[in-house]
């Protein structure tokens, strides 16, 4: 199976969401076609934005919309799972738009594959990340220290075609998460590759790693890693 990768660069959330929905419709329409095309993989960094999932609680936004707008951030309520999170420059956001039936994955195994991709990517920088029972995403959970999330995951699937995906903090401005209870948690923190390693890790290096690991975990050939400007 094959999937086409498109690097969208720095995007406004709304414009990228439109691209997701268009490609989602395309992949859905291709379900009757017998070929080896499984869908798309979108890579982006967003301009500052907060997104609230369909089951998210508005009280997890700790400041008013006016405060966010004054700080140059937008707010969207969207149709993915999960609660509220922040996206911004320095964070690698990955949107796989894939036909899981063609890949032979159930939704639970698909989410586990996304998590494992990030766990393996973090390990390349000496970071022991993992899962926490009952909490989606990828965490660093050390004894005696409150858990901190390095990657948020929120997906949607219809007829086994996926949308949304995961947000991996590379050099993200972590102070932005102080405006929310990230993913609805009040007793857990947020971190990044830069915060954990003390190094300014190149985004292009992380993109290359994530694409290669996703290809392995999802058992799909990812090709044509082109830059597409919105």
N, C-alpha and C. Protein backbone atom coordinates (compact mmCIF):
# COMPACT_ATOMS: atom_id res chain seq x y z
N UNK A 1 0.83 -1.19 0.00
CA UNK A 1 0.00 0.00 0.00
C UNK A 1 0.87 1.25 0.00
N UNK A 2 0.35 2.32 -0.62
CA UNK A 2 1.09 3.56 -0.75
C UNK A 2 0.26 4.72 -0.20
N UNK A 3 0.96 5.75 0.29
CA UNK A 3 0.31 6.98 0.73
C UNK A 3 1.19 8.16 0.30
N UNK A 4 0.55 9.22 -0.15
CA UNK A 4 1.28 10.41 -0.61
C UNK A 4 1.47 11.39 0.54
N UNK A 5 2.72 11.84 0.72
CA UNK A 5 3.03 12.80 1.77
C UNK A 5 3.08 14.21 1.20
N UNK A 6 2.45 15.15 1.89
CA UNK A 6 2.49 16.55 1.50
C UNK A 6 2.90 17.40 2.70
N UNK A 7 3.96 18.15 2.54
CA UNK A 7 4.42 19.06 3.59
C UNK A 7 3.82 20.43 3.31
N UNK A 8 2.93 20.87 4.18
CA UNK A 8 2.20 22.13 3.97
C UNK A 8 2.91 23.33 4.58
N UNK A 9 4.01 23.11 5.30
CA UNK A 9 4.71 24.22 5.93
C UNK A 9 3.90 24.84 7.06
N UNK A 10 4.01 26.15 7.23
CA UNK A 10 3.29 26.87 8.28
C UNK A 10 1.91 27.26 7.75
N UNK A 11 0.85 26.86 8.46
CA UNK A 11 -0.51 27.08 7.96
C UNK A 11 -1.43 27.69 9.01
N UNK A 12 -2.45 28.38 8.52
CA UNK A 12 -3.59 28.73 9.37
C UNK A 12 -4.43 27.48 9.55
N UNK A 13 -4.96 27.28 10.75
CA UNK A 13 -5.67 26.04 11.03
C UNK A 13 -6.87 25.85 10.10
N UNK A 14 -7.65 26.89 9.88
CA UNK A 14 -8.85 26.76 9.07
C UNK A 14 -8.55 26.31 7.65
N UNK A 15 -7.50 26.88 7.04
CA UNK A 15 -7.14 26.50 5.68
C UNK A 15 -6.69 25.05 5.62
N UNK A 16 -5.96 24.61 6.62
CA UNK A 16 -5.49 23.23 6.65
C UNK A 16 -6.66 22.26 6.89
N UNK A 17 -7.59 22.65 7.70
CA UNK A 17 -8.78 21.83 7.96
C UNK A 17 -9.58 21.64 6.67
N UNK A 18 -9.66 22.70 5.87
CA UNK A 18 -10.34 22.59 4.57
C UNK A 18 -9.65 21.56 3.68
N UNK A 19 -8.30 21.58 3.67
CA UNK A 19 -7.56 20.61 2.87
C UNK A 19 -7.82 19.19 3.38
N UNK A 20 -7.81 19.02 4.69
CA UNK A 20 -8.11 17.71 5.26
C UNK A 20 -9.46 17.18 4.79
N UNK A 21 -10.48 18.03 4.88
CA UNK A 21 -11.83 17.59 4.51
C UNK A 21 -11.92 17.25 3.03
N UNK A 22 -11.24 18.03 2.19
CA UNK A 22 -11.27 17.74 0.76
C UNK A 22 -10.61 16.40 0.45
N UNK A 23 -9.44 16.15 1.04
CA UNK A 23 -8.75 14.90 0.80
C UNK A 23 -9.47 13.72 1.44
N UNK A 24 -10.09 13.95 2.58
CA UNK A 24 -10.90 12.91 3.22
C UNK A 24 -12.01 12.46 2.27
N UNK A 25 -12.69 13.43 1.65
CA UNK A 25 -13.75 13.10 0.70
C UNK A 25 -13.21 12.32 -0.49
N UNK A 26 -12.01 12.69 -0.93
CA UNK A 26 -11.39 11.99 -2.06
C UNK A 26 -11.08 10.54 -1.71
N UNK A 27 -10.48 10.32 -0.53
CA UNK A 27 -10.14 8.95 -0.11
C UNK A 27 -11.41 8.12 0.09
N UNK A 28 -12.43 8.75 0.66
CA UNK A 28 -13.70 8.06 0.87
C UNK A 28 -14.29 7.63 -0.47
N UNK A 29 -14.23 8.50 -1.46
CA UNK A 29 -14.80 8.21 -2.78
C UNK A 29 -14.03 7.11 -3.50
N UNK A 30 -12.77 6.91 -3.14
CA UNK A 30 -11.94 5.89 -3.80
C UNK A 30 -12.10 4.50 -3.21
N UNK A 31 -12.94 4.36 -2.21
CA UNK A 31 -13.05 3.06 -1.55
C UNK A 31 -13.48 1.96 -2.53
N UNK A 32 -14.24 2.33 -3.55
CA UNK A 32 -14.71 1.33 -4.51
C UNK A 32 -13.66 1.00 -5.58
N UNK A 33 -12.58 1.78 -5.62
CA UNK A 33 -11.53 1.57 -6.62
C UNK A 33 -10.54 0.52 -6.11
N UNK A 34 -10.23 -0.43 -6.94
CA UNK A 34 -9.29 -1.49 -6.54
C UNK A 34 -7.87 -1.10 -6.97
N UNK A 35 -7.14 -0.50 -6.05
CA UNK A 35 -5.73 -0.19 -6.28
C UNK A 35 -5.02 -0.20 -4.94
N UNK A 36 -3.75 0.25 -4.94
CA UNK A 36 -2.98 0.19 -3.70
C UNK A 36 -2.80 1.56 -3.05
N UNK A 37 -3.65 2.52 -3.41
CA UNK A 37 -3.54 3.86 -2.84
C UNK A 37 -4.35 3.94 -1.54
N UNK A 38 -3.65 4.20 -0.42
CA UNK A 38 -4.30 4.20 0.89
C UNK A 38 -4.68 5.59 1.38
N UNK A 39 -4.09 6.65 0.78
CA UNK A 39 -4.46 7.99 1.21
C UNK A 39 -3.30 8.95 1.28
N UNK A 40 -3.38 9.89 2.21
CA UNK A 40 -2.43 10.99 2.29
C UNK A 40 -1.87 11.14 3.71
N UNK A 41 -0.70 11.75 3.77
CA UNK A 41 -0.10 12.15 5.04
C UNK A 41 0.26 13.62 4.92
N UNK A 42 -0.37 14.45 5.75
CA UNK A 42 -0.10 15.89 5.75
C UNK A 42 0.79 16.25 6.93
N UNK A 43 1.82 17.04 6.66
CA UNK A 43 2.72 17.55 7.70
C UNK A 43 2.56 19.06 7.74
N UNK A 44 2.49 19.63 8.94
CA UNK A 44 2.37 21.08 9.04
C UNK A 44 2.82 21.57 10.41
N UNK A 45 3.05 22.86 10.49
CA UNK A 45 3.10 23.60 11.74
C UNK A 45 2.01 24.65 11.63
N UNK A 46 1.24 24.83 12.67
CA UNK A 46 0.15 25.81 12.63
C UNK A 46 0.57 27.14 13.24
N UNK A 47 0.00 28.20 12.73
CA UNK A 47 0.06 29.46 13.45
C UNK A 47 -0.74 29.27 14.73
N UNK A 48 -0.47 30.06 15.80
CA UNK A 48 -1.06 29.77 17.11
C UNK A 48 -2.57 29.58 17.07
N UNK A 49 -3.02 28.46 17.63
CA UNK A 49 -4.44 28.12 17.61
C UNK A 49 -4.74 27.12 18.73
N UNK A 50 -5.92 27.24 19.29
CA UNK A 50 -6.41 26.26 20.26
C UNK A 50 -7.59 25.53 19.62
N UNK A 51 -7.60 24.20 19.77
CA UNK A 51 -8.69 23.42 19.21
C UNK A 51 -9.36 22.61 20.32
N UNK A 52 -10.68 22.58 20.27
CA UNK A 52 -11.48 21.89 21.27
C UNK A 52 -12.23 20.76 20.58
N UNK A 53 -11.99 19.52 21.02
CA UNK A 53 -12.62 18.36 20.43
C UNK A 53 -14.11 18.31 20.67
N UNK A 54 -14.80 17.41 19.97
CA UNK A 54 -16.27 17.36 20.01
C UNK A 54 -16.81 17.05 21.40
N UNK A 55 -16.03 16.34 22.22
CA UNK A 55 -16.47 16.03 23.58
C UNK A 55 -15.76 16.89 24.62
N UNK A 56 -15.00 17.89 24.15
CA UNK A 56 -14.25 18.75 25.06
C UNK A 56 -15.13 19.69 25.85
N UNK A 57 -14.64 20.09 27.01
CA UNK A 57 -15.38 20.99 27.90
C UNK A 57 -14.79 22.40 27.82
N UNK A 58 -15.66 23.37 27.60
CA UNK A 58 -15.18 24.74 27.42
C UNK A 58 -14.52 25.30 28.67
N UNK A 59 -14.85 24.76 29.84
CA UNK A 59 -14.21 25.25 31.07
C UNK A 59 -12.72 24.92 31.12
N UNK A 60 -12.25 24.05 30.23
CA UNK A 60 -10.82 23.77 30.18
C UNK A 60 -10.04 24.85 29.43
N UNK A 61 -10.75 25.81 28.85
CA UNK A 61 -10.13 27.04 28.36
C UNK A 61 -10.17 28.03 29.51
N UNK A 62 -9.01 28.43 30.00
CA UNK A 62 -8.91 29.19 31.25
C UNK A 62 -8.94 30.69 31.07
N UNK A 63 -8.94 31.16 29.83
CA UNK A 63 -9.01 32.59 29.54
C UNK A 63 -10.09 32.80 28.47
N UNK A 64 -10.51 34.05 28.28
CA UNK A 64 -11.53 34.35 27.29
C UNK A 64 -10.99 34.38 25.88
N UNK A 65 -11.90 34.27 24.92
CA UNK A 65 -11.51 34.32 23.51
C UNK A 65 -10.79 35.63 23.19
N UNK A 66 -11.22 36.73 23.84
CA UNK A 66 -10.60 38.02 23.58
C UNK A 66 -9.12 38.01 23.96
N UNK A 67 -8.79 37.33 25.06
CA UNK A 67 -7.39 37.22 25.50
C UNK A 67 -6.59 36.45 24.45
N UNK A 68 -7.16 35.36 23.95
CA UNK A 68 -6.46 34.57 22.94
C UNK A 68 -6.21 35.40 21.68
N UNK A 69 -7.23 36.11 21.24
CA UNK A 69 -7.10 36.91 20.02
C UNK A 69 -6.06 38.01 20.21
N UNK A 70 -6.01 38.61 21.42
CA UNK A 70 -5.02 39.63 21.70
C UNK A 70 -3.60 39.08 21.64
N UNK A 71 -3.47 37.79 21.91
CA UNK A 71 -2.16 37.13 21.85
C UNK A 71 -1.89 36.51 20.48
N UNK A 72 -2.78 36.77 19.53
CA UNK A 72 -2.57 36.29 18.17
C UNK A 72 -2.94 34.85 17.94
N UNK A 73 -3.83 34.29 18.79
CA UNK A 73 -4.23 32.89 18.67
C UNK A 73 -5.70 32.79 18.31
N UNK A 74 -6.03 31.78 17.50
CA UNK A 74 -7.42 31.50 17.14
C UNK A 74 -7.96 30.37 18.01
N UNK A 75 -9.27 30.14 17.93
CA UNK A 75 -9.93 29.06 18.66
C UNK A 75 -10.94 28.39 17.74
N UNK A 76 -10.85 27.05 17.65
CA UNK A 76 -11.79 26.27 16.84
C UNK A 76 -12.36 25.12 17.67
N UNK A 77 -13.66 24.88 17.52
CA UNK A 77 -14.24 23.62 17.99
C UNK A 77 -14.34 22.71 16.79
N UNK A 78 -13.78 21.51 16.91
CA UNK A 78 -13.66 20.62 15.76
C UNK A 78 -14.22 19.24 16.06
N UNK A 79 -14.20 18.37 15.03
CA UNK A 79 -14.89 17.08 15.11
C UNK A 79 -13.98 15.90 15.42
N UNK A 80 -12.84 16.15 16.06
CA UNK A 80 -11.98 15.04 16.48
C UNK A 80 -12.35 14.62 17.90
N UNK A 81 -11.75 13.50 18.33
CA UNK A 81 -11.86 13.11 19.73
C UNK A 81 -10.93 13.95 20.59
N UNK A 82 -11.08 13.82 21.90
CA UNK A 82 -10.20 14.53 22.82
C UNK A 82 -10.75 15.87 23.26
N UNK A 83 -10.02 16.53 24.12
CA UNK A 83 -10.46 17.80 24.71
C UNK A 83 -9.74 18.96 24.04
N UNK A 84 -9.15 19.86 24.80
CA UNK A 84 -8.55 21.06 24.24
C UNK A 84 -7.03 20.94 24.19
N UNK A 85 -6.45 21.49 23.13
CA UNK A 85 -4.99 21.52 23.04
C UNK A 85 -4.56 22.77 22.27
N UNK A 86 -3.26 22.99 22.26
CA UNK A 86 -2.68 24.14 21.56
C UNK A 86 -1.82 23.63 20.41
N UNK A 87 -1.86 24.36 19.28
CA UNK A 87 -0.95 24.11 18.17
C UNK A 87 -0.23 25.42 17.85
N UNK A 88 1.05 25.30 17.54
CA UNK A 88 1.79 26.51 17.19
C UNK A 88 3.12 26.17 16.54
N UNK A 89 3.85 27.18 16.10
CA UNK A 89 5.17 26.95 15.50
C UNK A 89 6.07 26.14 16.43
N UNK A 90 6.89 25.29 15.83
CA UNK A 90 7.76 24.43 16.62
C UNK A 90 7.11 23.11 17.01
N UNK A 91 5.87 22.91 16.62
CA UNK A 91 5.15 21.67 16.89
C UNK A 91 4.85 20.99 15.56
N UNK A 92 5.27 19.75 15.43
CA UNK A 92 5.00 19.00 14.21
C UNK A 92 3.61 18.38 14.31
N UNK A 93 2.71 18.83 13.45
CA UNK A 93 1.35 18.29 13.41
C UNK A 93 1.24 17.39 12.19
N UNK A 94 0.76 16.18 12.41
CA UNK A 94 0.68 15.16 11.36
C UNK A 94 -0.76 14.71 11.22
N UNK A 95 -1.29 14.84 10.01
CA UNK A 95 -2.66 14.45 9.71
C UNK A 95 -2.65 13.30 8.69
N UNK A 96 -2.74 12.06 9.14
CA UNK A 96 -2.89 10.95 8.21
C UNK A 96 -4.36 10.84 7.77
N UNK A 97 -4.57 10.87 6.47
CA UNK A 97 -5.92 10.69 5.91
C UNK A 97 -5.87 9.38 5.14
N UNK A 98 -6.19 8.30 5.84
CA UNK A 98 -5.91 6.96 5.36
C UNK A 98 -7.13 6.06 5.43
N UNK A 99 -7.21 5.12 4.49
CA UNK A 99 -8.25 4.11 4.49
C UNK A 99 -7.73 2.92 5.30
N UNK A 100 -8.20 2.79 6.53
CA UNK A 100 -7.70 1.74 7.40
C UNK A 100 -8.08 0.35 6.92
N UNK A 101 -9.20 0.25 6.20
CA UNK A 101 -9.58 -1.06 5.65
C UNK A 101 -8.51 -1.55 4.68
N UNK A 102 -8.01 -0.67 3.84
CA UNK A 102 -6.96 -1.07 2.90
C UNK A 102 -5.69 -1.46 3.62
N UNK A 103 -5.41 -0.78 4.72
CA UNK A 103 -4.20 -1.07 5.47
C UNK A 103 -4.35 -2.26 6.41
N UNK A 104 -5.60 -2.68 6.65
CA UNK A 104 -5.84 -3.80 7.54
C UNK A 104 -5.72 -3.46 9.01
N UNK A 105 -6.04 -2.20 9.36
CA UNK A 105 -5.96 -1.74 10.74
C UNK A 105 -7.35 -1.45 11.29
N UNK A 106 -7.59 -1.81 12.55
CA UNK A 106 -8.72 -1.29 13.29
C UNK A 106 -8.33 0.03 13.92
N UNK A 107 -9.31 0.79 14.39
CA UNK A 107 -9.02 2.13 14.92
C UNK A 107 -8.11 2.07 16.15
N UNK A 108 -8.33 1.11 17.03
CA UNK A 108 -7.51 1.00 18.24
C UNK A 108 -6.05 0.73 17.89
N UNK A 109 -5.83 -0.20 16.95
CA UNK A 109 -4.46 -0.52 16.55
C UNK A 109 -3.82 0.65 15.79
N UNK A 110 -4.63 1.39 15.05
CA UNK A 110 -4.12 2.56 14.33
C UNK A 110 -3.61 3.61 15.32
N UNK A 111 -4.39 3.90 16.34
CA UNK A 111 -3.96 4.89 17.34
C UNK A 111 -2.70 4.40 18.05
N UNK A 112 -2.64 3.10 18.35
CA UNK A 112 -1.44 2.54 18.98
C UNK A 112 -0.23 2.71 18.08
N UNK A 113 -0.41 2.57 16.75
CA UNK A 113 0.69 2.75 15.81
C UNK A 113 1.18 4.20 15.79
N UNK A 114 0.25 5.16 15.88
CA UNK A 114 0.66 6.57 15.96
C UNK A 114 1.47 6.82 17.22
N UNK A 115 0.99 6.29 18.34
CA UNK A 115 1.72 6.45 19.60
C UNK A 115 3.11 5.83 19.51
N UNK A 116 3.19 4.63 18.96
CA UNK A 116 4.47 3.93 18.88
C UNK A 116 5.45 4.69 17.99
N UNK A 117 4.93 5.32 16.94
CA UNK A 117 5.79 6.13 16.07
C UNK A 117 6.48 7.23 16.87
N UNK A 118 5.71 7.94 17.68
CA UNK A 118 6.28 9.04 18.46
C UNK A 118 7.19 8.52 19.57
N UNK A 119 6.81 7.42 20.20
CA UNK A 119 7.66 6.82 21.23
C UNK A 119 9.03 6.48 20.66
N UNK A 120 9.05 5.89 19.47
CA UNK A 120 10.32 5.53 18.83
C UNK A 120 11.10 6.76 18.39
N UNK A 121 10.40 7.79 17.90
CA UNK A 121 11.07 9.03 17.51
C UNK A 121 11.73 9.69 18.71
N UNK A 122 11.01 9.75 19.84
CA UNK A 122 11.57 10.35 21.06
C UNK A 122 12.79 9.57 21.55
N UNK A 123 12.74 8.25 21.41
CA UNK A 123 13.86 7.42 21.87
C UNK A 123 15.14 7.73 21.11
N UNK A 124 15.02 8.20 19.87
CA UNK A 124 16.21 8.57 19.09
C UNK A 124 16.96 9.75 19.71
N UNK A 125 16.29 10.48 20.59
CA UNK A 125 16.91 11.61 21.28
C UNK A 125 17.16 11.30 22.76
N UNK A 126 17.10 10.01 23.09
CA UNK A 126 17.39 9.59 24.46
C UNK A 126 16.25 9.81 25.43
N UNK A 127 15.03 9.99 24.92
CA UNK A 127 13.87 10.25 25.78
C UNK A 127 13.04 8.98 25.92
N UNK A 128 12.81 8.57 27.16
CA UNK A 128 12.01 7.38 27.44
C UNK A 128 10.55 7.78 27.59
N UNK A 129 9.84 7.86 26.47
CA UNK A 129 8.43 8.22 26.48
C UNK A 129 7.59 6.95 26.39
N UNK A 130 6.31 7.08 26.71
CA UNK A 130 5.44 5.91 26.66
C UNK A 130 3.98 6.29 26.80
N UNK A 131 3.17 5.31 27.18
CA UNK A 131 1.73 5.49 27.33
C UNK A 131 1.35 5.53 28.79
N UNK A 132 0.20 6.13 29.07
CA UNK A 132 -0.42 6.11 30.39
C UNK A 132 -1.83 5.57 30.22
N UNK A 133 -2.19 4.56 31.00
CA UNK A 133 -3.51 3.95 30.88
C UNK A 133 -4.61 4.99 31.07
N UNK A 134 -5.58 4.99 30.16
CA UNK A 134 -6.71 5.90 30.25
C UNK A 134 -6.46 7.29 29.74
N UNK A 135 -5.27 7.53 29.18
CA UNK A 135 -4.94 8.86 28.66
C UNK A 135 -4.28 8.69 27.29
N UNK A 136 -4.88 9.28 26.27
CA UNK A 136 -4.31 9.16 24.92
C UNK A 136 -3.04 9.98 24.80
N UNK A 137 -2.29 9.72 23.76
CA UNK A 137 -1.09 10.48 23.51
C UNK A 137 0.16 9.80 24.03
N UNK A 138 1.27 10.53 23.99
CA UNK A 138 2.56 10.01 24.42
C UNK A 138 3.07 10.87 25.57
N UNK A 139 3.54 10.19 26.62
CA UNK A 139 3.88 10.85 27.88
C UNK A 139 5.28 10.50 28.34
N UNK A 140 5.81 11.36 29.20
CA UNK A 140 7.01 11.06 29.97
C UNK A 140 6.56 10.97 31.42
N UNK A 141 6.68 9.78 31.99
CA UNK A 141 6.12 9.50 33.31
C UNK A 141 7.21 8.93 34.20
N UNK A 142 7.91 9.82 34.89
CA UNK A 142 9.01 9.43 35.76
C UNK A 142 8.56 9.40 37.21
N UNK A 143 9.08 8.47 37.96
CA UNK A 143 8.71 8.34 39.37
C UNK A 143 9.04 9.62 40.14
N UNK A 144 8.06 10.11 40.88
CA UNK A 144 8.26 11.29 41.71
C UNK A 144 8.06 12.61 41.00
N UNK A 145 7.75 12.57 39.70
CA UNK A 145 7.53 13.78 38.91
C UNK A 145 6.18 13.65 38.22
N UNK A 146 5.40 14.74 38.16
CA UNK A 146 4.10 14.62 37.52
C UNK A 146 4.27 14.33 36.02
N UNK A 147 3.41 13.49 35.48
CA UNK A 147 3.53 13.14 34.06
C UNK A 147 3.44 14.38 33.18
N UNK A 148 4.14 14.35 32.05
CA UNK A 148 4.09 15.46 31.12
C UNK A 148 3.96 14.90 29.70
N UNK A 149 3.06 15.53 28.95
CA UNK A 149 2.73 15.05 27.61
C UNK A 149 3.65 15.69 26.58
N UNK A 150 4.20 14.86 25.70
CA UNK A 150 5.05 15.37 24.62
C UNK A 150 4.33 15.32 23.28
N UNK A 151 3.25 14.55 23.21
CA UNK A 151 2.49 14.44 21.96
C UNK A 151 1.02 14.19 22.25
N UNK A 152 0.16 15.03 21.69
CA UNK A 152 -1.29 14.86 21.81
C UNK A 152 -1.81 14.13 20.58
N UNK A 153 -2.80 13.25 20.79
CA UNK A 153 -3.41 12.51 19.69
C UNK A 153 -4.92 12.68 19.76
N UNK A 154 -5.51 13.01 18.62
CA UNK A 154 -6.97 13.11 18.52
C UNK A 154 -7.37 12.80 17.09
N UNK A 155 -8.18 11.78 16.89
CA UNK A 155 -8.52 11.36 15.53
C UNK A 155 -10.04 11.25 15.37
N UNK A 156 -10.42 11.18 14.11
CA UNK A 156 -11.79 10.90 13.73
C UNK A 156 -11.75 9.91 12.58
N UNK A 157 -12.70 8.97 12.54
CA UNK A 157 -12.77 8.04 11.42
C UNK A 157 -14.22 7.86 11.01
N UNK A 158 -14.45 7.81 9.71
CA UNK A 158 -15.77 7.52 9.15
C UNK A 158 -15.58 6.51 8.03
N UNK A 159 -16.30 5.43 8.09
CA UNK A 159 -16.14 4.32 7.13
C UNK A 159 -14.66 3.94 7.03
N UNK A 160 -13.98 3.97 8.15
CA UNK A 160 -12.59 3.56 8.29
C UNK A 160 -11.61 4.50 7.60
N UNK A 161 -12.04 5.68 7.20
CA UNK A 161 -11.12 6.69 6.68
C UNK A 161 -10.85 7.70 7.80
N UNK A 162 -9.59 8.01 8.04
CA UNK A 162 -9.20 8.83 9.18
C UNK A 162 -9.05 10.31 8.83
N UNK A 163 -9.19 11.13 9.86
CA UNK A 163 -8.85 12.56 9.81
C UNK A 163 -8.18 12.94 11.11
N UNK A 164 -7.65 14.17 11.14
CA UNK A 164 -6.92 14.68 12.31
C UNK A 164 -5.71 13.76 12.57
N UNK A 165 -5.13 13.77 13.74
CA UNK A 165 -3.93 12.98 13.92
C UNK A 165 -3.20 13.29 15.22
N UNK A 166 -1.92 13.72 15.11
CA UNK A 166 -1.16 13.96 16.34
C UNK A 166 -0.29 15.20 16.23
N UNK A 167 0.04 15.76 17.39
CA UNK A 167 0.83 16.98 17.48
C UNK A 167 2.01 16.72 18.41
N UNK A 168 3.20 16.72 17.84
CA UNK A 168 4.45 16.35 18.53
C UNK A 168 5.22 17.63 18.84
N UNK A 169 5.41 17.90 20.13
CA UNK A 169 6.10 19.12 20.56
C UNK A 169 7.61 18.97 20.34
N UNK A 170 8.13 19.77 19.44
CA UNK A 170 9.56 19.74 19.13
C UNK A 170 10.24 20.91 19.83
N UNK A 171 9.93 22.13 19.38
CA UNK A 171 10.44 23.34 20.05
C UNK A 171 9.28 24.27 20.38
N UNK A 172 8.13 23.69 20.67
CA UNK A 172 6.90 24.45 20.91
C UNK A 172 7.05 25.41 22.09
N UNK A 173 6.39 26.56 21.97
CA UNK A 173 6.36 27.54 23.06
C UNK A 173 5.41 27.02 24.15
N UNK A 174 5.95 26.39 25.17
CA UNK A 174 5.14 25.67 26.16
C UNK A 174 4.30 26.59 27.03
N UNK A 175 4.68 27.87 27.16
CA UNK A 175 3.89 28.80 27.97
C UNK A 175 2.46 28.92 27.45
N UNK A 176 2.25 28.67 26.18
CA UNK A 176 0.91 28.78 25.59
C UNK A 176 -0.07 27.79 26.23
N UNK A 177 0.44 26.68 26.75
CA UNK A 177 -0.44 25.68 27.36
C UNK A 177 -0.98 26.14 28.71
N UNK A 178 -0.42 27.22 29.26
CA UNK A 178 -0.91 27.74 30.55
C UNK A 178 -2.30 28.35 30.42
N UNK A 179 -2.77 28.58 29.20
CA UNK A 179 -4.10 29.16 28.99
C UNK A 179 -5.20 28.10 29.06
N UNK A 180 -4.81 26.82 29.16
CA UNK A 180 -5.78 25.73 29.10
C UNK A 180 -5.42 24.66 30.14
N UNK A 181 -6.38 23.75 30.38
CA UNK A 181 -6.07 22.48 31.01
C UNK A 181 -5.80 21.51 29.86
N UNK A 182 -4.55 21.30 29.50
CA UNK A 182 -4.25 20.54 28.28
C UNK A 182 -4.90 19.16 28.27
N UNK A 183 -5.68 18.92 27.21
CA UNK A 183 -6.39 17.65 27.04
C UNK A 183 -7.32 17.36 28.22
N UNK A 184 -7.68 18.42 28.96
CA UNK A 184 -8.62 18.27 30.06
C UNK A 184 -8.00 17.91 31.39
N UNK A 185 -6.68 17.77 31.46
CA UNK A 185 -6.02 17.37 32.71
C UNK A 185 -5.56 18.60 33.50
N UNK A 186 -5.77 18.55 34.82
CA UNK A 186 -5.35 19.65 35.68
C UNK A 186 -4.11 19.28 36.50
N UNK A 187 -3.72 18.03 36.47
CA UNK A 187 -2.62 17.56 37.32
C UNK A 187 -1.43 17.03 36.52
N UNK A 188 -1.37 17.37 35.23
CA UNK A 188 -0.30 16.87 34.38
C UNK A 188 0.29 18.01 33.55
N UNK A 189 1.52 17.86 33.16
CA UNK A 189 2.20 18.92 32.44
C UNK A 189 2.37 18.63 30.96
N UNK A 190 3.08 19.53 30.29
CA UNK A 190 3.37 19.43 28.86
C UNK A 190 4.86 19.67 28.68
N UNK A 191 5.44 18.98 27.71
CA UNK A 191 6.87 19.15 27.47
C UNK A 191 7.15 19.08 25.97
N UNK A 192 8.42 19.16 25.61
CA UNK A 192 8.83 19.13 24.21
C UNK A 192 10.18 18.44 24.10
N UNK A 193 10.57 18.10 22.88
CA UNK A 193 11.90 17.55 22.67
C UNK A 193 12.98 18.53 23.16
N UNK A 194 12.79 19.81 22.84
CA UNK A 194 13.78 20.81 23.24
C UNK A 194 13.89 20.92 24.76
N UNK A 195 12.74 20.90 25.46
CA UNK A 195 12.75 21.02 26.92
C UNK A 195 13.42 19.82 27.57
N UNK A 196 13.21 18.64 26.99
CA UNK A 196 13.76 17.43 27.59
C UNK A 196 15.24 17.24 27.30
N UNK A 197 15.69 17.69 26.14
CA UNK A 197 17.09 17.46 25.75
C UNK A 197 17.98 18.66 25.96
N UNK A 198 17.38 19.85 26.06
CA UNK A 198 18.18 21.07 26.13
C UNK A 198 18.79 21.46 24.80
N UNK A 199 18.31 20.83 23.73
CA UNK A 199 18.86 21.10 22.39
C UNK A 199 17.79 21.66 21.47
N UNK A 200 18.21 22.49 20.53
CA UNK A 200 17.32 23.05 19.52
C UNK A 200 17.31 22.08 18.34
N UNK A 201 16.37 21.16 18.33
CA UNK A 201 16.36 20.08 17.35
C UNK A 201 15.70 20.55 16.06
N UNK A 202 16.34 20.36 14.90
CA UNK A 202 15.79 20.83 13.63
C UNK A 202 14.47 20.13 13.29
N UNK A 203 13.48 20.90 12.91
CA UNK A 203 12.18 20.34 12.55
C UNK A 203 12.29 19.38 11.38
N UNK A 204 13.10 19.72 10.37
CA UNK A 204 13.22 18.85 9.21
C UNK A 204 13.75 17.47 9.59
N UNK A 205 14.62 17.43 10.56
CA UNK A 205 15.15 16.16 11.03
C UNK A 205 14.05 15.31 11.66
N UNK A 206 13.19 15.95 12.44
CA UNK A 206 12.09 15.24 13.10
C UNK A 206 11.07 14.77 12.07
N UNK A 207 10.77 15.61 11.09
CA UNK A 207 9.84 15.20 10.03
C UNK A 207 10.32 13.94 9.33
N UNK A 208 11.60 13.92 8.96
CA UNK A 208 12.16 12.77 8.27
C UNK A 208 12.02 11.51 9.11
N UNK A 209 12.30 11.64 10.40
CA UNK A 209 12.20 10.50 11.31
C UNK A 209 10.76 10.01 11.43
N UNK A 210 9.83 10.93 11.61
CA UNK A 210 8.42 10.57 11.79
C UNK A 210 7.87 9.88 10.54
N UNK A 211 8.18 10.40 9.37
CA UNK A 211 7.67 9.79 8.14
C UNK A 211 8.20 8.37 7.98
N UNK A 212 9.49 8.16 8.25
CA UNK A 212 10.07 6.83 8.13
C UNK A 212 9.46 5.86 9.13
N UNK A 213 9.26 6.31 10.36
CA UNK A 213 8.71 5.44 11.39
C UNK A 213 7.22 5.14 11.14
N UNK A 214 6.48 6.13 10.67
CA UNK A 214 5.07 5.89 10.32
C UNK A 214 4.96 4.85 9.21
N UNK A 215 5.85 4.94 8.24
CA UNK A 215 5.85 3.97 7.15
C UNK A 215 6.02 2.55 7.70
N UNK A 216 6.92 2.40 8.67
CA UNK A 216 7.14 1.09 9.26
C UNK A 216 5.95 0.63 10.10
N UNK A 217 5.44 1.52 10.94
CA UNK A 217 4.37 1.14 11.86
C UNK A 217 3.05 0.85 11.14
N UNK A 218 2.76 1.61 10.08
CA UNK A 218 1.51 1.42 9.35
C UNK A 218 1.65 0.48 8.16
N UNK A 219 2.90 0.05 7.91
CA UNK A 219 3.17 -0.87 6.80
C UNK A 219 2.66 -0.30 5.48
N UNK A 220 3.04 0.96 5.23
CA UNK A 220 2.63 1.65 4.02
C UNK A 220 3.83 2.39 3.44
N UNK A 221 3.95 2.38 2.12
CA UNK A 221 5.01 3.14 1.46
C UNK A 221 4.57 4.60 1.37
N UNK A 222 5.33 5.50 1.97
CA UNK A 222 5.02 6.92 1.94
C UNK A 222 5.96 7.58 0.93
N UNK A 223 5.38 8.21 -0.08
CA UNK A 223 6.17 8.70 -1.20
C UNK A 223 5.89 10.17 -1.49
N UNK A 224 6.73 10.76 -2.36
CA UNK A 224 6.50 12.10 -2.88
C UNK A 224 6.36 13.14 -1.76
N UNK A 225 7.36 13.19 -0.90
CA UNK A 225 7.33 14.11 0.23
C UNK A 225 7.55 15.54 -0.27
N UNK A 226 6.50 16.10 -0.88
CA UNK A 226 6.60 17.40 -1.51
C UNK A 226 6.11 18.52 -0.60
N UNK A 227 6.63 19.72 -0.86
CA UNK A 227 6.17 20.91 -0.14
C UNK A 227 5.05 21.55 -0.95
N UNK A 228 3.91 21.75 -0.31
CA UNK A 228 2.75 22.34 -0.97
C UNK A 228 2.33 23.58 -0.20
N UNK A 229 2.33 24.72 -0.83
CA UNK A 229 1.94 25.96 -0.16
C UNK A 229 0.44 26.18 -0.29
N UNK A 230 -0.20 26.50 0.84
CA UNK A 230 -1.64 26.77 0.82
C UNK A 230 -1.89 28.23 0.44
